[in-house]
Amino acid sequence: MTCPICAKDSDPEYSPFCSRRCADVDLGRWLNGSYAIPAVAPEDLEEAAEELAKETRRPH
């Protein structure tokens, strides 16, 4: 397996990375938002907001 950051052979100690440096580079990318999970379509968000609003208005 190769390191996803630099393509060198991975080191079992830092798997799947080759070194602490590459592991830290990957962590930094997650923390600063370089990696992102795609959001759902805005229509779906509006529907969800409407459903949530309905739920909060119902007596429990």
Protein backbone atom coordinates (compact mmCIF):
# COMPACT_ATOMS: atom_id res chain seq x y z
CA MET A 1 0.00 0.00 0.00
CA THR A 2 1.25 3.50 -0.74
CA CYS A 3 0.88 6.65 1.32
CA PRO A 4 -2.13 8.69 0.13
CA ILE A 5 -0.18 11.93 0.64
CA CYS A 6 3.20 11.29 -1.02
CA ALA A 7 2.83 7.83 -2.66
CA LYS A 8 5.83 6.30 -0.80
CA ASP A 9 5.44 2.85 0.75
CA SER A 10 3.35 3.05 3.91
CA ASP A 11 4.83 2.30 7.33
CA PRO A 12 2.80 -0.04 9.58
CA GLU A 13 3.39 2.33 12.50
CA TYR A 14 1.62 5.19 10.65
CA SER A 15 -0.65 3.15 8.36
CA PRO A 16 -1.90 4.11 5.83
CA PHE A 17 0.74 6.85 5.80
CA CYS A 18 4.51 6.55 5.42
CA SER A 19 5.42 8.87 8.29
CA ARG A 20 4.13 11.06 11.09
CA ARG A 21 4.59 14.05 8.78
CA CYS A 22 2.18 12.70 6.16
CA ALA A 23 -0.32 11.72 8.87
CA ASP A 24 -0.14 15.28 10.21
CA VAL A 25 -0.56 16.75 6.71
CA ASP A 26 -3.74 14.67 6.31
CA LEU A 27 -5.05 15.73 9.73
CA GLY A 28 -4.35 19.37 8.88
CA ARG A 29 -6.35 19.03 5.67
CA TRP A 30 -9.32 17.68 7.61
CA LEU A 31 -9.08 20.40 10.24
CA ASN A 32 -8.87 23.31 7.81
CA GLY A 33 -11.73 22.01 5.67
CA SER A 34 -9.78 20.91 2.60
CA TYR A 35 -11.68 17.64 2.75
CA ALA A 36 -15.44 17.83 2.87
CA ILE A 37 -18.36 15.48 2.70
CA PRO A 38 -20.85 16.51 0.00
CA ALA A 39 -24.02 18.11 1.33
CA VAL A 40 -27.52 17.09 0.35
CA ALA A 41 -29.46 19.17 -2.13
CA PRO A 42 -30.91 22.47 -0.81
CA GLU A 43 -34.45 21.24 -1.53
CA ASP A 44 -33.88 18.37 0.87
CA LEU A 45 -32.63 20.79 3.52
CA GLU A 46 -35.70 22.99 3.13
CA GLU A 47 -37.95 19.94 3.48
CA ALA A 48 -36.08 18.84 6.58
CA ALA A 49 -36.36 22.33 8.09
CA GLU A 50 -40.11 22.36 7.46
CA GLU A 51 -40.50 18.93 9.09
CA LEU A 52 -38.47 20.06 12.08
CA ALA A 53 -40.60 23.19 12.41
CA LYS A 54 -43.75 21.04 12.37
CA GLU A 55 -42.31 18.76 15.06
CA THR A 56 -41.46 21.67 17.36
CA ARG A 57 -44.98 23.11 17.08
CA ARG A 58 -46.69 19.84 18.08
CA PRO A 59 -47.52 19.46 21.78
CA HIS A 60 -45.70 16.55 23.41
